[in-house]
Amino acid sequence: MSEEPQLLVHDRADNVGVVVVEGLKAGAEMLCRVTEDNSTFRLVVLDDVPIGHKVALVDLGEGDTAIKYGVDIGRMVGAAGKGRHIHVHNLKTKRW
């Protein structure tokens, strides 16, 4: 088990985190670091997730708001359970 974080969460209010390593595979137990207070927690990722993509920290349903950096980054257009991949297939901006 790695002691370097595989997922970064920027704010305690966030419900998604960002993968910061290459080759993250489904079933991996990630070390997650909250940059706001430097705390850590562990989460099992349920999908292969590329670097830079997001992972749900809680169950998110269609219509829910994704929060990153403590702000609204878009609306879920498909459900994603805790540990699931979040990207353009299930998250869309509210800007247009």
Protein backbone atom coordinates (compact mmCIF):
# COMPACT_ATOMS: atom_id res chain seq x y z
CA MET A 1 0.00 0.00 0.00
CA SER A 2 1.43 3.35 -1.05
CA GLU A 3 2.03 6.15 1.42
CA GLU A 4 1.97 8.74 -1.38
CA PRO A 5 -1.55 9.99 -2.10
CA GLN A 6 -3.31 8.72 -5.19
CA LEU A 7 -6.22 11.15 -4.80
CA LEU A 8 -6.33 14.81 -3.78
CA VAL A 9 -9.34 16.50 -2.23
CA HIS A 10 -9.02 20.27 -2.05
CA ASP A 11 -11.70 21.25 0.45
CA ARG A 12 -13.58 19.38 3.21
CA ALA A 13 -16.85 20.33 1.43
CA ASP A 14 -15.80 18.52 -1.80
CA ASN A 15 -17.70 15.43 -2.89
CA VAL A 16 -15.19 14.53 -5.64
CA GLY A 17 -11.42 14.13 -5.57
CA VAL A 18 -8.79 14.15 -8.34
CA VAL A 19 -6.59 11.18 -9.25
CA VAL A 20 -2.92 12.22 -9.18
CA VAL A 21 -1.20 8.99 -10.32
CA GLU A 22 -0.97 7.07 -13.59
CA GLY A 23 -2.51 3.63 -13.93
CA LEU A 24 -5.04 3.65 -11.07
CA LYS A 25 -6.91 0.35 -11.30
CA ALA A 26 -10.31 -0.73 -10.00
CA GLY A 27 -10.09 -2.27 -6.55
CA ALA A 28 -7.10 -0.21 -5.41
CA GLU A 29 -7.29 1.21 -1.91
CA MET A 30 -6.24 4.83 -2.39
CA LEU A 31 -4.58 7.09 0.11
CA CYS A 32 -6.52 10.36 -0.19
CA ARG A 33 -5.15 13.67 1.07
CA VAL A 34 -7.29 16.72 1.89
CA THR A 35 -5.09 19.71 1.01
CA GLU A 36 -7.19 22.11 3.10
CA ASP A 37 -5.96 20.57 6.38
CA ASN A 38 -3.44 17.91 5.24
CA SER A 39 -5.60 15.11 6.67
CA THR A 40 -5.86 11.70 4.98
CA PHE A 41 -8.39 8.93 4.53
CA ARG A 42 -8.61 5.77 2.46
CA LEU A 43 -11.09 4.95 -0.29
CA VAL A 44 -11.40 1.98 -2.65
CA VAL A 45 -11.71 3.03 -6.29
CA LEU A 46 -14.26 0.92 -8.19
CA ASP A 47 -13.19 1.75 -11.77
CA ASP A 48 -9.91 2.23 -13.64
CA VAL A 49 -9.47 6.02 -13.50
CA PRO A 50 -6.94 8.03 -15.55
CA ILE A 51 -4.77 10.69 -13.96
CA GLY A 52 -6.57 14.04 -13.73
CA HIS A 53 -10.05 12.51 -13.67
CA LYS A 54 -12.33 12.59 -10.63
CA VAL A 55 -13.66 9.99 -8.20
CA ALA A 56 -16.89 10.29 -6.21
CA LEU A 57 -16.31 10.56 -2.45
CA VAL A 58 -20.01 9.91 -1.75
CA ASP A 59 -22.89 8.43 -3.72
CA LEU A 60 -23.96 11.00 -6.33
CA GLY A 61 -27.23 10.72 -8.22
CA GLU A 62 -28.39 12.20 -11.49
CA GLY A 63 -29.09 15.91 -10.91
CA ASP A 64 -26.72 16.20 -7.92
CA THR A 65 -24.08 18.94 -7.86
CA ALA A 66 -20.40 17.98 -7.94
CA ILE A 67 -18.28 20.05 -5.55
CA LYS A 68 -14.53 20.55 -6.06
CA TYR A 69 -12.37 23.32 -4.55
CA GLY A 70 -15.41 23.94 -2.33
CA VAL A 71 -17.42 25.18 -5.35
CA ASP A 72 -20.01 23.85 -7.78
CA ILE A 73 -18.23 22.37 -10.84
CA GLY A 74 -21.28 20.86 -12.55
CA ARG A 75 -24.37 18.70 -12.53
CA MET A 76 -24.37 14.92 -12.53
CA VAL A 77 -26.08 13.62 -15.70
CA GLY A 78 -25.61 10.03 -14.56
CA ALA A 79 -25.28 8.41 -11.17
CA ALA A 80 -21.89 7.56 -9.67
CA GLY A 81 -21.56 5.67 -6.42
CA LYS A 82 -18.81 6.31 -3.88
CA GLY A 83 -15.49 5.28 -5.44
CA ARG A 84 -16.73 5.58 -9.05
CA HIS A 85 -15.17 7.49 -11.95
CA ILE A 86 -16.49 11.01 -12.60
CA HIS A 87 -15.84 12.63 -15.99
CA VAL A 88 -17.71 13.92 -19.07
CA HIS A 89 -19.79 10.72 -19.30
CA ASN A 90 -21.64 11.57 -16.07
CA LEU A 91 -20.81 15.23 -15.25
CA LYS A 92 -21.67 18.33 -17.25
CA THR A 93 -21.05 22.00 -16.61
CA LYS A 94 -24.03 24.16 -15.66
CA ARG A 95 -22.63 27.05 -17.75
CA TRP A 96 -24.23 25.89 -21.02
